[in-house]
Amino acid sequence: VNTALMYTGRIKMFSLIPGMFFGFA
């Protein structure tokens, strides 16, 4: 799942990967 999250960061809309980890945590 974390690998999927990181690859999702390649999509411009989700490119702020730290933002995803803030939501994750």
PDBML (XML) file of the C-alpha atoms, coordinates in Angstrom:
<?xml version="1.0" encoding="UTF-8" ?>
<PDBx:datablock datablockName="MODEL"
   xmlns:PDBx="http://pdbml.pdb.org/schema/pdbx-v50.xsd"
   xmlns:xsi="http://www.w3.org/2001/XMLSchema-instance"
   xsi:schemaLocation="http://pdbml.pdb.org/schema/pdbx-v50.xsd pdbx-v50.xsd">
   <PDBx:atom_siteCategory>
      <PDBx:atom_site id="1">
         <PDBx:B_iso_or_equiv>0.00</PDBx:B_iso_or_equiv>
         <PDBx:Cartn_x>0.000</PDBx:Cartn_x>
         <PDBx:Cartn_y>0.000</PDBx:Cartn_y>
         <PDBx:Cartn_z>0.000</PDBx:Cartn_z>
         <PDBx:auth_asym_id>A</PDBx:auth_asym_id>
         <PDBx:auth_atom_id>CA</PDBx:auth_atom_id>
         <PDBx:auth_comp_id>VAL</PDBx:auth_comp_id>
         <PDBx:auth_seq_id>1</PDBx:auth_seq_id>
         <PDBx:group_PDB>ATOM</PDBx:group_PDB>
         <PDBx:label_alt_id xsi:nil="true" />
         <PDBx:label_asym_id>A</PDBx:label_asym_id>
         <PDBx:label_atom_id>CA</PDBx:label_atom_id>
         <PDBx:label_comp_id>VAL</PDBx:label_comp_id>
         <PDBx:label_entity_id>1</PDBx:label_entity_id>
         <PDBx:label_seq_id>1</PDBx:label_seq_id>
         <PDBx:occupancy>1.00</PDBx:occupancy>
         <PDBx:pdbx_PDB_model_num>1</PDBx:pdbx_PDB_model_num>
         <PDBx:type_symbol>C</PDBx:type_symbol>
      </PDBx:atom_site>
      <PDBx:atom_site id="2">
         <PDBx:B_iso_or_equiv>0.00</PDBx:B_iso_or_equiv>
         <PDBx:Cartn_x>2.817</PDBx:Cartn_x>
         <PDBx:Cartn_y>2.421</PDBx:Cartn_y>
         <PDBx:Cartn_z>0.777</PDBx:Cartn_z>
         <PDBx:auth_asym_id>A</PDBx:auth_asym_id>
         <PDBx:auth_atom_id>CA</PDBx:auth_atom_id>
         <PDBx:auth_comp_id>ASN</PDBx:auth_comp_id>
         <PDBx:auth_seq_id>2</PDBx:auth_seq_id>
         <PDBx:group_PDB>ATOM</PDBx:group_PDB>
         <PDBx:label_alt_id xsi:nil="true" />
         <PDBx:label_asym_id>A</PDBx:label_asym_id>
         <PDBx:label_atom_id>CA</PDBx:label_atom_id>
         <PDBx:label_comp_id>ASN</PDBx:label_comp_id>
         <PDBx:label_entity_id>1</PDBx:label_entity_id>
         <PDBx:label_seq_id>2</PDBx:label_seq_id>
         <PDBx:occupancy>1.00</PDBx:occupancy>
         <PDBx:pdbx_PDB_model_num>1</PDBx:pdbx_PDB_model_num>
         <PDBx:type_symbol>C</PDBx:type_symbol>
      </PDBx:atom_site>
      <PDBx:atom_site id="3">
         <PDBx:B_iso_or_equiv>0.00</PDBx:B_iso_or_equiv>
         <PDBx:Cartn_x>4.357</PDBx:Cartn_x>
         <PDBx:Cartn_y>1.677</PDBx:Cartn_y>
         <PDBx:Cartn_z>-2.626</PDBx:Cartn_z>
         <PDBx:auth_asym_id>A</PDBx:auth_asym_id>
         <PDBx:auth_atom_id>CA</PDBx:auth_atom_id>
         <PDBx:auth_comp_id>THR</PDBx:auth_comp_id>
         <PDBx:auth_seq_id>3</PDBx:auth_seq_id>
         <PDBx:group_PDB>ATOM</PDBx:group_PDB>
         <PDBx:label_alt_id xsi:nil="true" />
         <PDBx:label_asym_id>A</PDBx:label_asym_id>
         <PDBx:label_atom_id>CA</PDBx:label_atom_id>
         <PDBx:label_comp_id>THR</PDBx:label_comp_id>
         <PDBx:label_entity_id>1</PDBx:label_entity_id>
         <PDBx:label_seq_id>3</PDBx:label_seq_id>
         <PDBx:occupancy>1.00</PDBx:occupancy>
         <PDBx:pdbx_PDB_model_num>1</PDBx:pdbx_PDB_model_num>
         <PDBx:type_symbol>C</PDBx:type_symbol>
      </PDBx:atom_site>
      <PDBx:atom_site id="4">
         <PDBx:B_iso_or_equiv>0.00</PDBx:B_iso_or_equiv>
         <PDBx:Cartn_x>1.000</PDBx:Cartn_x>
         <PDBx:Cartn_y>2.523</PDBx:Cartn_y>
         <PDBx:Cartn_z>-4.216</PDBx:Cartn_z>
         <PDBx:auth_asym_id>A</PDBx:auth_asym_id>
         <PDBx:auth_atom_id>CA</PDBx:auth_atom_id>
         <PDBx:auth_comp_id>ALA</PDBx:auth_comp_id>
         <PDBx:auth_seq_id>4</PDBx:auth_seq_id>
         <PDBx:group_PDB>ATOM</PDBx:group_PDB>
         <PDBx:label_alt_id xsi:nil="true" />
         <PDBx:label_asym_id>A</PDBx:label_asym_id>
         <PDBx:label_atom_id>CA</PDBx:label_atom_id>
         <PDBx:label_comp_id>ALA</PDBx:label_comp_id>
         <PDBx:label_entity_id>1</PDBx:label_entity_id>
         <PDBx:label_seq_id>4</PDBx:label_seq_id>
         <PDBx:occupancy>1.00</PDBx:occupancy>
         <PDBx:pdbx_PDB_model_num>1</PDBx:pdbx_PDB_model_num>
         <PDBx:type_symbol>C</PDBx:type_symbol>
      </PDBx:atom_site>
      <PDBx:atom_site id="5">
         <PDBx:B_iso_or_equiv>0.00</PDBx:B_iso_or_equiv>
         <PDBx:Cartn_x>0.899</PDBx:Cartn_x>
         <PDBx:Cartn_y>5.767</PDBx:Cartn_y>
         <PDBx:Cartn_z>-2.204</PDBx:Cartn_z>
         <PDBx:auth_asym_id>A</PDBx:auth_asym_id>
         <PDBx:auth_atom_id>CA</PDBx:auth_atom_id>
         <PDBx:auth_comp_id>LEU</PDBx:auth_comp_id>
         <PDBx:auth_seq_id>5</PDBx:auth_seq_id>
         <PDBx:group_PDB>ATOM</PDBx:group_PDB>
         <PDBx:label_alt_id xsi:nil="true" />
         <PDBx:label_asym_id>A</PDBx:label_asym_id>
         <PDBx:label_atom_id>CA</PDBx:label_atom_id>
         <PDBx:label_comp_id>LEU</PDBx:label_comp_id>
         <PDBx:label_entity_id>1</PDBx:label_entity_id>
         <PDBx:label_seq_id>5</PDBx:label_seq_id>
         <PDBx:occupancy>1.00</PDBx:occupancy>
         <PDBx:pdbx_PDB_model_num>1</PDBx:pdbx_PDB_model_num>
         <PDBx:type_symbol>C</PDBx:type_symbol>
      </PDBx:atom_site>
      <PDBx:atom_site id="6">
         <PDBx:B_iso_or_equiv>0.00</PDBx:B_iso_or_equiv>
         <PDBx:Cartn_x>4.367</PDBx:Cartn_x>
         <PDBx:Cartn_y>6.756</PDBx:Cartn_y>
         <PDBx:Cartn_z>-3.373</PDBx:Cartn_z>
         <PDBx:auth_asym_id>A</PDBx:auth_asym_id>
         <PDBx:auth_atom_id>CA</PDBx:auth_atom_id>
         <PDBx:auth_comp_id>MET</PDBx:auth_comp_id>
         <PDBx:auth_seq_id>6</PDBx:auth_seq_id>
         <PDBx:group_PDB>ATOM</PDBx:group_PDB>
         <PDBx:label_alt_id xsi:nil="true" />
         <PDBx:label_asym_id>A</PDBx:label_asym_id>
         <PDBx:label_atom_id>CA</PDBx:label_atom_id>
         <PDBx:label_comp_id>MET</PDBx:label_comp_id>
         <PDBx:label_entity_id>1</PDBx:label_entity_id>
         <PDBx:label_seq_id>6</PDBx:label_seq_id>
         <PDBx:occupancy>1.00</PDBx:occupancy>
         <PDBx:pdbx_PDB_model_num>1</PDBx:pdbx_PDB_model_num>
         <PDBx:type_symbol>C</PDBx:type_symbol>
      </PDBx:atom_site>
      <PDBx:atom_site id="7">
         <PDBx:B_iso_or_equiv>0.00</PDBx:B_iso_or_equiv>
         <PDBx:Cartn_x>3.555</PDBx:Cartn_x>
         <PDBx:Cartn_y>6.033</PDBx:Cartn_y>
         <PDBx:Cartn_z>-7.021</PDBx:Cartn_z>
         <PDBx:auth_asym_id>A</PDBx:auth_asym_id>
         <PDBx:auth_atom_id>CA</PDBx:auth_atom_id>
         <PDBx:auth_comp_id>TYR</PDBx:auth_comp_id>
         <PDBx:auth_seq_id>7</PDBx:auth_seq_id>
         <PDBx:group_PDB>ATOM</PDBx:group_PDB>
         <PDBx:label_alt_id xsi:nil="true" />
         <PDBx:label_asym_id>A</PDBx:label_asym_id>
         <PDBx:label_atom_id>CA</PDBx:label_atom_id>
         <PDBx:label_comp_id>TYR</PDBx:label_comp_id>
         <PDBx:label_entity_id>1</PDBx:label_entity_id>
         <PDBx:label_seq_id>7</PDBx:label_seq_id>
         <PDBx:occupancy>1.00</PDBx:occupancy>
         <PDBx:pdbx_PDB_model_num>1</PDBx:pdbx_PDB_model_num>
         <PDBx:type_symbol>C</PDBx:type_symbol>
      </PDBx:atom_site>
      <PDBx:atom_site id="8">
         <PDBx:B_iso_or_equiv>0.00</PDBx:B_iso_or_equiv>
         <PDBx:Cartn_x>0.340</PDBx:Cartn_x>
         <PDBx:Cartn_y>8.031</PDBx:Cartn_y>
         <PDBx:Cartn_z>-6.668</PDBx:Cartn_z>
         <PDBx:auth_asym_id>A</PDBx:auth_asym_id>
         <PDBx:auth_atom_id>CA</PDBx:auth_atom_id>
         <PDBx:auth_comp_id>THR</PDBx:auth_comp_id>
         <PDBx:auth_seq_id>8</PDBx:auth_seq_id>
         <PDBx:group_PDB>ATOM</PDBx:group_PDB>
         <PDBx:label_alt_id xsi:nil="true" />
         <PDBx:label_asym_id>A</PDBx:label_asym_id>
         <PDBx:label_atom_id>CA</PDBx:label_atom_id>
         <PDBx:label_comp_id>THR</PDBx:label_comp_id>
         <PDBx:label_entity_id>1</PDBx:label_entity_id>
         <PDBx:label_seq_id>8</PDBx:label_seq_id>
         <PDBx:occupancy>1.00</PDBx:occupancy>
         <PDBx:pdbx_PDB_model_num>1</PDBx:pdbx_PDB_model_num>
         <PDBx:type_symbol>C</PDBx:type_symbol>
      </PDBx:atom_site>
      <PDBx:atom_site id="9">
         <PDBx:B_iso_or_equiv>0.00</PDBx:B_iso_or_equiv>
         <PDBx:Cartn_x>2.590</PDBx:Cartn_x>
         <PDBx:Cartn_y>10.990</PDBx:Cartn_y>
         <PDBx:Cartn_z>-5.883</PDBx:Cartn_z>
         <PDBx:auth_asym_id>A</PDBx:auth_asym_id>
         <PDBx:auth_atom_id>CA</PDBx:auth_atom_id>
         <PDBx:auth_comp_id>GLY</PDBx:auth_comp_id>
         <PDBx:auth_seq_id>9</PDBx:auth_seq_id>
         <PDBx:group_PDB>ATOM</PDBx:group_PDB>
         <PDBx:label_alt_id xsi:nil="true" />
         <PDBx:label_asym_id>A</PDBx:label_asym_id>
         <PDBx:label_atom_id>CA</PDBx:label_atom_id>
         <PDBx:label_comp_id>GLY</PDBx:label_comp_id>
         <PDBx:label_entity_id>1</PDBx:label_entity_id>
         <PDBx:label_seq_id>9</PDBx:label_seq_id>
         <PDBx:occupancy>1.00</PDBx:occupancy>
         <PDBx:pdbx_PDB_model_num>1</PDBx:pdbx_PDB_model_num>
         <PDBx:type_symbol>C</PDBx:type_symbol>
      </PDBx:atom_site>
      <PDBx:atom_site id="10">
         <PDBx:B_iso_or_equiv>0.00</PDBx:B_iso_or_equiv>
         <PDBx:Cartn_x>3.622</PDBx:Cartn_x>
         <PDBx:Cartn_y>10.962</PDBx:Cartn_y>
         <PDBx:Cartn_z>-9.547</PDBx:Cartn_z>
         <PDBx:auth_asym_id>A</PDBx:auth_asym_id>
         <PDBx:auth_atom_id>CA</PDBx:auth_atom_id>
         <PDBx:auth_comp_id>ARG</PDBx:auth_comp_id>
         <PDBx:auth_seq_id>10</PDBx:auth_seq_id>
         <PDBx:group_PDB>ATOM</PDBx:group_PDB>
         <PDBx:label_alt_id xsi:nil="true" />
         <PDBx:label_asym_id>A</PDBx:label_asym_id>
         <PDBx:label_atom_id>CA</PDBx:label_atom_id>
         <PDBx:label_comp_id>ARG</PDBx:label_comp_id>
         <PDBx:label_entity_id>1</PDBx:label_entity_id>
         <PDBx:label_seq_id>10</PDBx:label_seq_id>
         <PDBx:occupancy>1.00</PDBx:occupancy>
         <PDBx:pdbx_PDB_model_num>1</PDBx:pdbx_PDB_model_num>
         <PDBx:type_symbol>C</PDBx:type_symbol>
      </PDBx:atom_site>
      <PDBx:atom_site id="11">
         <PDBx:B_iso_or_equiv>0.00</PDBx:B_iso_or_equiv>
         <PDBx:Cartn_x>0.165</PDBx:Cartn_x>
         <PDBx:Cartn_y>12.248</PDBx:Cartn_y>
         <PDBx:Cartn_z>-10.436</PDBx:Cartn_z>
         <PDBx:auth_asym_id>A</PDBx:auth_asym_id>
         <PDBx:auth_atom_id>CA</PDBx:auth_atom_id>
         <PDBx:auth_comp_id>ILE</PDBx:auth_comp_id>
         <PDBx:auth_seq_id>11</PDBx:auth_seq_id>
         <PDBx:group_PDB>ATOM</PDBx:group_PDB>
         <PDBx:label_alt_id xsi:nil="true" />
         <PDBx:label_asym_id>A</PDBx:label_asym_id>
         <PDBx:label_atom_id>CA</PDBx:label_atom_id>
         <PDBx:label_comp_id>ILE</PDBx:label_comp_id>
         <PDBx:label_entity_id>1</PDBx:label_entity_id>
         <PDBx:label_seq_id>11</PDBx:label_seq_id>
         <PDBx:occupancy>1.00</PDBx:occupancy>
         <PDBx:pdbx_PDB_model_num>1</PDBx:pdbx_PDB_model_num>
         <PDBx:type_symbol>C</PDBx:type_symbol>
      </PDBx:atom_site>
      <PDBx:atom_site id="12">
         <PDBx:B_iso_or_equiv>0.00</PDBx:B_iso_or_equiv>
         <PDBx:Cartn_x>0.292</PDBx:Cartn_x>
         <PDBx:Cartn_y>16.043</PDBx:Cartn_y>
         <PDBx:Cartn_z>-10.358</PDBx:Cartn_z>
         <PDBx:auth_asym_id>A</PDBx:auth_asym_id>
         <PDBx:auth_atom_id>CA</PDBx:auth_atom_id>
         <PDBx:auth_comp_id>LYS</PDBx:auth_comp_id>
         <PDBx:auth_seq_id>12</PDBx:auth_seq_id>
         <PDBx:group_PDB>ATOM</PDBx:group_PDB>
         <PDBx:label_alt_id xsi:nil="true" />
         <PDBx:label_asym_id>A</PDBx:label_asym_id>
         <PDBx:label_atom_id>CA</PDBx:label_atom_id>
         <PDBx:label_comp_id>LYS</PDBx:label_comp_id>
         <PDBx:label_entity_id>1</PDBx:label_entity_id>
         <PDBx:label_seq_id>12</PDBx:label_seq_id>
         <PDBx:occupancy>1.00</PDBx:occupancy>
         <PDBx:pdbx_PDB_model_num>1</PDBx:pdbx_PDB_model_num>
         <PDBx:type_symbol>C</PDBx:type_symbol>
      </PDBx:atom_site>
      <PDBx:atom_site id="13">
         <PDBx:B_iso_or_equiv>0.00</PDBx:B_iso_or_equiv>
         <PDBx:Cartn_x>-2.799</PDBx:Cartn_x>
         <PDBx:Cartn_y>16.392</PDBx:Cartn_y>
         <PDBx:Cartn_z>-8.201</PDBx:Cartn_z>
         <PDBx:auth_asym_id>A</PDBx:auth_asym_id>
         <PDBx:auth_atom_id>CA</PDBx:auth_atom_id>
         <PDBx:auth_comp_id>MET</PDBx:auth_comp_id>
         <PDBx:auth_seq_id>13</PDBx:auth_seq_id>
         <PDBx:group_PDB>ATOM</PDBx:group_PDB>
         <PDBx:label_alt_id xsi:nil="true" />
         <PDBx:label_asym_id>A</PDBx:label_asym_id>
         <PDBx:label_atom_id>CA</PDBx:label_atom_id>
         <PDBx:label_comp_id>MET</PDBx:label_comp_id>
         <PDBx:label_entity_id>1</PDBx:label_entity_id>
         <PDBx:label_seq_id>13</PDBx:label_seq_id>
         <PDBx:occupancy>1.00</PDBx:occupancy>
         <PDBx:pdbx_PDB_model_num>1</PDBx:pdbx_PDB_model_num>
         <PDBx:type_symbol>C</PDBx:type_symbol>
      </PDBx:atom_site>
      <PDBx:atom_site id="14">
         <PDBx:B_iso_or_equiv>0.00</PDBx:B_iso_or_equiv>
         <PDBx:Cartn_x>-1.206</PDBx:Cartn_x>
         <PDBx:Cartn_y>14.189</PDBx:Cartn_y>
         <PDBx:Cartn_z>-5.509</PDBx:Cartn_z>
         <PDBx:auth_asym_id>A</PDBx:auth_asym_id>
         <PDBx:auth_atom_id>CA</PDBx:auth_atom_id>
         <PDBx:auth_comp_id>PHE</PDBx:auth_comp_id>
         <PDBx:auth_seq_id>14</PDBx:auth_seq_id>
         <PDBx:group_PDB>ATOM</PDBx:group_PDB>
         <PDBx:label_alt_id xsi:nil="true" />
         <PDBx:label_asym_id>A</PDBx:label_asym_id>
         <PDBx:label_atom_id>CA</PDBx:label_atom_id>
         <PDBx:label_comp_id>PHE</PDBx:label_comp_id>
         <PDBx:label_entity_id>1</PDBx:label_entity_id>
         <PDBx:label_seq_id>14</PDBx:label_seq_id>
         <PDBx:occupancy>1.00</PDBx:occupancy>
         <PDBx:pdbx_PDB_model_num>1</PDBx:pdbx_PDB_model_num>
         <PDBx:type_symbol>C</PDBx:type_symbol>
      </PDBx:atom_site>
      <PDBx:atom_site id="15">
         <PDBx:B_iso_or_equiv>0.00</PDBx:B_iso_or_equiv>
         <PDBx:Cartn_x>2.405</PDBx:Cartn_x>
         <PDBx:Cartn_y>15.307</PDBx:Cartn_y>
         <PDBx:Cartn_z>-5.959</PDBx:Cartn_z>
         <PDBx:auth_asym_id>A</PDBx:auth_asym_id>
         <PDBx:auth_atom_id>CA</PDBx:auth_atom_id>
         <PDBx:auth_comp_id>SER</PDBx:auth_comp_id>
         <PDBx:auth_seq_id>15</PDBx:auth_seq_id>
         <PDBx:group_PDB>ATOM</PDBx:group_PDB>
         <PDBx:label_alt_id xsi:nil="true" />
         <PDBx:label_asym_id>A</PDBx:label_asym_id>
         <PDBx:label_atom_id>CA</PDBx:label_atom_id>
         <PDBx:label_comp_id>SER</PDBx:label_comp_id>
         <PDBx:label_entity_id>1</PDBx:label_entity_id>
         <PDBx:label_seq_id>15</PDBx:label_seq_id>
         <PDBx:occupancy>1.00</PDBx:occupancy>
         <PDBx:pdbx_PDB_model_num>1</PDBx:pdbx_PDB_model_num>
         <PDBx:type_symbol>C</PDBx:type_symbol>
      </PDBx:atom_site>
      <PDBx:atom_site id="16">
         <PDBx:B_iso_or_equiv>0.00</PDBx:B_iso_or_equiv>
         <PDBx:Cartn_x>2.668</PDBx:Cartn_x>
         <PDBx:Cartn_y>16.717</PDBx:Cartn_y>
         <PDBx:Cartn_z>-2.426</PDBx:Cartn_z>
         <PDBx:auth_asym_id>A</PDBx:auth_asym_id>
         <PDBx:auth_atom_id>CA</PDBx:auth_atom_id>
         <PDBx:auth_comp_id>LEU</PDBx:auth_comp_id>
         <PDBx:auth_seq_id>16</PDBx:auth_seq_id>
         <PDBx:group_PDB>ATOM</PDBx:group_PDB>
         <PDBx:label_alt_id xsi:nil="true" />
         <PDBx:label_asym_id>A</PDBx:label_asym_id>
         <PDBx:label_atom_id>CA</PDBx:label_atom_id>
         <PDBx:label_comp_id>LEU</PDBx:label_comp_id>
         <PDBx:label_entity_id>1</PDBx:label_entity_id>
         <PDBx:label_seq_id>16</PDBx:label_seq_id>
         <PDBx:occupancy>1.00</PDBx:occupancy>
         <PDBx:pdbx_PDB_model_num>1</PDBx:pdbx_PDB_model_num>
         <PDBx:type_symbol>C</PDBx:type_symbol>
      </PDBx:atom_site>
      <PDBx:atom_site id="17">
         <PDBx:B_iso_or_equiv>0.00</PDBx:B_iso_or_equiv>
         <PDBx:Cartn_x>3.717</PDBx:Cartn_x>
         <PDBx:Cartn_y>13.380</PDBx:Cartn_y>
         <PDBx:Cartn_z>-0.932</PDBx:Cartn_z>
         <PDBx:auth_asym_id>A</PDBx:auth_asym_id>
         <PDBx:auth_atom_id>CA</PDBx:auth_atom_id>
         <PDBx:auth_comp_id>ILE</PDBx:auth_comp_id>
         <PDBx:auth_seq_id>17</PDBx:auth_seq_id>
         <PDBx:group_PDB>ATOM</PDBx:group_PDB>
         <PDBx:label_alt_id xsi:nil="true" />
         <PDBx:label_asym_id>A</PDBx:label_asym_id>
         <PDBx:label_atom_id>CA</PDBx:label_atom_id>
         <PDBx:label_comp_id>ILE</PDBx:label_comp_id>
         <PDBx:label_entity_id>1</PDBx:label_entity_id>
         <PDBx:label_seq_id>17</PDBx:label_seq_id>
         <PDBx:occupancy>1.00</PDBx:occupancy>
         <PDBx:pdbx_PDB_model_num>1</PDBx:pdbx_PDB_model_num>
         <PDBx:type_symbol>C</PDBx:type_symbol>
      </PDBx:atom_site>
      <PDBx:atom_site id="18">
         <PDBx:B_iso_or_equiv>0.00</PDBx:B_iso_or_equiv>
         <PDBx:Cartn_x>4.344</PDBx:Cartn_x>
         <PDBx:Cartn_y>14.829</PDBx:Cartn_y>
         <PDBx:Cartn_z>2.571</PDBx:Cartn_z>
         <PDBx:auth_asym_id>A</PDBx:auth_asym_id>
         <PDBx:auth_atom_id>CA</PDBx:auth_atom_id>
         <PDBx:auth_comp_id>PRO</PDBx:auth_comp_id>
         <PDBx:auth_seq_id>18</PDBx:auth_seq_id>
         <PDBx:group_PDB>ATOM</PDBx:group_PDB>
         <PDBx:label_alt_id xsi:nil="true" />
         <PDBx:label_asym_id>A</PDBx:label_asym_id>
         <PDBx:label_atom_id>CA</PDBx:label_atom_id>
         <PDBx:label_comp_id>PRO</PDBx:label_comp_id>
         <PDBx:label_entity_id>1</PDBx:label_entity_id>
         <PDBx:label_seq_id>18</PDBx:label_seq_id>
         <PDBx:occupancy>1.00</PDBx:occupancy>
         <PDBx:pdbx_PDB_model_num>1</PDBx:pdbx_PDB_model_num>
         <PDBx:type_symbol>C</PDBx:type_symbol>
      </PDBx:atom_site>
      <PDBx:atom_site id="19">
         <PDBx:B_iso_or_equiv>0.00</PDBx:B_iso_or_equiv>
         <PDBx:Cartn_x>0.697</PDBx:Cartn_x>
         <PDBx:Cartn_y>15.935</PDBx:Cartn_y>
         <PDBx:Cartn_z>2.511</PDBx:Cartn_z>
         <PDBx:auth_asym_id>A</PDBx:auth_asym_id>
         <PDBx:auth_atom_id>CA</PDBx:auth_atom_id>
         <PDBx:auth_comp_id>GLY</PDBx:auth_comp_id>
         <PDBx:auth_seq_id>19</PDBx:auth_seq_id>
         <PDBx:group_PDB>ATOM</PDBx:group_PDB>
         <PDBx:label_alt_id xsi:nil="true" />
         <PDBx:label_asym_id>A</PDBx:label_asym_id>
         <PDBx:label_atom_id>CA</PDBx:label_atom_id>
         <PDBx:label_comp_id>GLY</PDBx:label_comp_id>
         <PDBx:label_entity_id>1</PDBx:label_entity_id>
         <PDBx:label_seq_id>19</PDBx:label_seq_id>
         <PDBx:occupancy>1.00</PDBx:occupancy>
         <PDBx:pdbx_PDB_model_num>1</PDBx:pdbx_PDB_model_num>
         <PDBx:type_symbol>C</PDBx:type_symbol>
      </PDBx:atom_site>
      <PDBx:atom_site id="20">
         <PDBx:B_iso_or_equiv>0.00</PDBx:B_iso_or_equiv>
         <PDBx:Cartn_x>-0.343</PDBx:Cartn_x>
         <PDBx:Cartn_y>12.330</PDBx:Cartn_y>
         <PDBx:Cartn_z>1.917</PDBx:Cartn_z>
         <PDBx:auth_asym_id>A</PDBx:auth_asym_id>
         <PDBx:auth_atom_id>CA</PDBx:auth_atom_id>
         <PDBx:auth_comp_id>MET</PDBx:auth_comp_id>
         <PDBx:auth_seq_id>20</PDBx:auth_seq_id>
         <PDBx:group_PDB>ATOM</PDBx:group_PDB>
         <PDBx:label_alt_id xsi:nil="true" />
         <PDBx:label_asym_id>A</PDBx:label_asym_id>
         <PDBx:label_atom_id>CA</PDBx:label_atom_id>
         <PDBx:label_comp_id>MET</PDBx:label_comp_id>
         <PDBx:label_entity_id>1</PDBx:label_entity_id>
         <PDBx:label_seq_id>20</PDBx:label_seq_id>
         <PDBx:occupancy>1.00</PDBx:occupancy>
         <PDBx:pdbx_PDB_model_num>1</PDBx:pdbx_PDB_model_num>
         <PDBx:type_symbol>C</PDBx:type_symbol>
      </PDBx:atom_site>
      <PDBx:atom_site id="21">
         <PDBx:B_iso_or_equiv>0.00</PDBx:B_iso_or_equiv>
         <PDBx:Cartn_x>1.788</PDBx:Cartn_x>
         <PDBx:Cartn_y>11.222</PDBx:Cartn_y>
         <PDBx:Cartn_z>4.853</PDBx:Cartn_z>
         <PDBx:auth_asym_id>A</PDBx:auth_asym_id>
         <PDBx:auth_atom_id>CA</PDBx:auth_atom_id>
         <PDBx:auth_comp_id>PHE</PDBx:auth_comp_id>
         <PDBx:auth_seq_id>21</PDBx:auth_seq_id>
         <PDBx:group_PDB>ATOM</PDBx:group_PDB>
         <PDBx:label_alt_id xsi:nil="true" />
         <PDBx:label_asym_id>A</PDBx:label_asym_id>
         <PDBx:label_atom_id>CA</PDBx:label_atom_id>
         <PDBx:label_comp_id>PHE</PDBx:label_comp_id>
         <PDBx:label_entity_id>1</PDBx:label_entity_id>
         <PDBx:label_seq_id>21</PDBx:label_seq_id>
         <PDBx:occupancy>1.00</PDBx:occupancy>
         <PDBx:pdbx_PDB_model_num>1</PDBx:pdbx_PDB_model_num>
         <PDBx:type_symbol>C</PDBx:type_symbol>
      </PDBx:atom_site>
      <PDBx:atom_site id="22">
         <PDBx:B_iso_or_equiv>0.00</PDBx:B_iso_or_equiv>
         <PDBx:Cartn_x>0.244</PDBx:Cartn_x>
         <PDBx:Cartn_y>13.908</PDBx:Cartn_y>
         <PDBx:Cartn_z>7.092</PDBx:Cartn_z>
         <PDBx:auth_asym_id>A</PDBx:auth_asym_id>
         <PDBx:auth_atom_id>CA</PDBx:auth_atom_id>
         <PDBx:auth_comp_id>PHE</PDBx:auth_comp_id>
         <PDBx:auth_seq_id>22</PDBx:auth_seq_id>
         <PDBx:group_PDB>ATOM</PDBx:group_PDB>
         <PDBx:label_alt_id xsi:nil="true" />
         <PDBx:label_asym_id>A</PDBx:label_asym_id>
         <PDBx:label_atom_id>CA</PDBx:label_atom_id>
         <PDBx:label_comp_id>PHE</PDBx:label_comp_id>
         <PDBx:label_entity_id>1</PDBx:label_entity_id>
         <PDBx:label_seq_id>22</PDBx:label_seq_id>
         <PDBx:occupancy>1.00</PDBx:occupancy>
         <PDBx:pdbx_PDB_model_num>1</PDBx:pdbx_PDB_model_num>
         <PDBx:type_symbol>C</PDBx:type_symbol>
      </PDBx:atom_site>
      <PDBx:atom_site id="23">
         <PDBx:B_iso_or_equiv>0.00</PDBx:B_iso_or_equiv>
         <PDBx:Cartn_x>-3.158</PDBx:Cartn_x>
         <PDBx:Cartn_y>12.446</PDBx:Cartn_y>
         <PDBx:Cartn_z>6.251</PDBx:Cartn_z>
         <PDBx:auth_asym_id>A</PDBx:auth_asym_id>
         <PDBx:auth_atom_id>CA</PDBx:auth_atom_id>
         <PDBx:auth_comp_id>GLY</PDBx:auth_comp_id>
         <PDBx:auth_seq_id>23</PDBx:auth_seq_id>
         <PDBx:group_PDB>ATOM</PDBx:group_PDB>
         <PDBx:label_alt_id xsi:nil="true" />
         <PDBx:label_asym_id>A</PDBx:label_asym_id>
         <PDBx:label_atom_id>CA</PDBx:label_atom_id>
         <PDBx:label_comp_id>GLY</PDBx:label_comp_id>
         <PDBx:label_entity_id>1</PDBx:label_entity_id>
         <PDBx:label_seq_id>23</PDBx:label_seq_id>
         <PDBx:occupancy>1.00</PDBx:occupancy>
         <PDBx:pdbx_PDB_model_num>1</PDBx:pdbx_PDB_model_num>
         <PDBx:type_symbol>C</PDBx:type_symbol>
      </PDBx:atom_site>
      <PDBx:atom_site id="24">
         <PDBx:B_iso_or_equiv>0.00</PDBx:B_iso_or_equiv>
         <PDBx:Cartn_x>-1.807</PDBx:Cartn_x>
         <PDBx:Cartn_y>8.896</PDBx:Cartn_y>
         <PDBx:Cartn_z>6.590</PDBx:Cartn_z>
         <PDBx:auth_asym_id>A</PDBx:auth_asym_id>
         <PDBx:auth_atom_id>CA</PDBx:auth_atom_id>
         <PDBx:auth_comp_id>PHE</PDBx:auth_comp_id>
         <PDBx:auth_seq_id>24</PDBx:auth_seq_id>
         <PDBx:group_PDB>ATOM</PDBx:group_PDB>
         <PDBx:label_alt_id xsi:nil="true" />
         <PDBx:label_asym_id>A</PDBx:label_asym_id>
         <PDBx:label_atom_id>CA</PDBx:label_atom_id>
         <PDBx:label_comp_id>PHE</PDBx:label_comp_id>
         <PDBx:label_entity_id>1</PDBx:label_entity_id>
         <PDBx:label_seq_id>24</PDBx:label_seq_id>
         <PDBx:occupancy>1.00</PDBx:occupancy>
         <PDBx:pdbx_PDB_model_num>1</PDBx:pdbx_PDB_model_num>
         <PDBx:type_symbol>C</PDBx:type_symbol>
      </PDBx:atom_site>
      <PDBx:atom_site id="25">
         <PDBx:B_iso_or_equiv>0.00</PDBx:B_iso_or_equiv>
         <PDBx:Cartn_x>-0.501</PDBx:Cartn_x>
         <PDBx:Cartn_y>9.540</PDBx:Cartn_y>
         <PDBx:Cartn_z>10.114</PDBx:Cartn_z>
         <PDBx:auth_asym_id>A</PDBx:auth_asym_id>
         <PDBx:auth_atom_id>CA</PDBx:auth_atom_id>
         <PDBx:auth_comp_id>ALA</PDBx:auth_comp_id>
         <PDBx:auth_seq_id>25</PDBx:auth_seq_id>
         <PDBx:group_PDB>ATOM</PDBx:group_PDB>
         <PDBx:label_alt_id xsi:nil="true" />
         <PDBx:label_asym_id>A</PDBx:label_asym_id>
         <PDBx:label_atom_id>CA</PDBx:label_atom_id>
         <PDBx:label_comp_id>ALA</PDBx:label_comp_id>
         <PDBx:label_entity_id>1</PDBx:label_entity_id>
         <PDBx:label_seq_id>25</PDBx:label_seq_id>
         <PDBx:occupancy>1.00</PDBx:occupancy>
         <PDBx:pdbx_PDB_model_num>1</PDBx:pdbx_PDB_model_num>
         <PDBx:type_symbol>C</PDBx:type_symbol>
      </PDBx:atom_site>
   </PDBx:atom_siteCategory>
</PDBx:datablock>
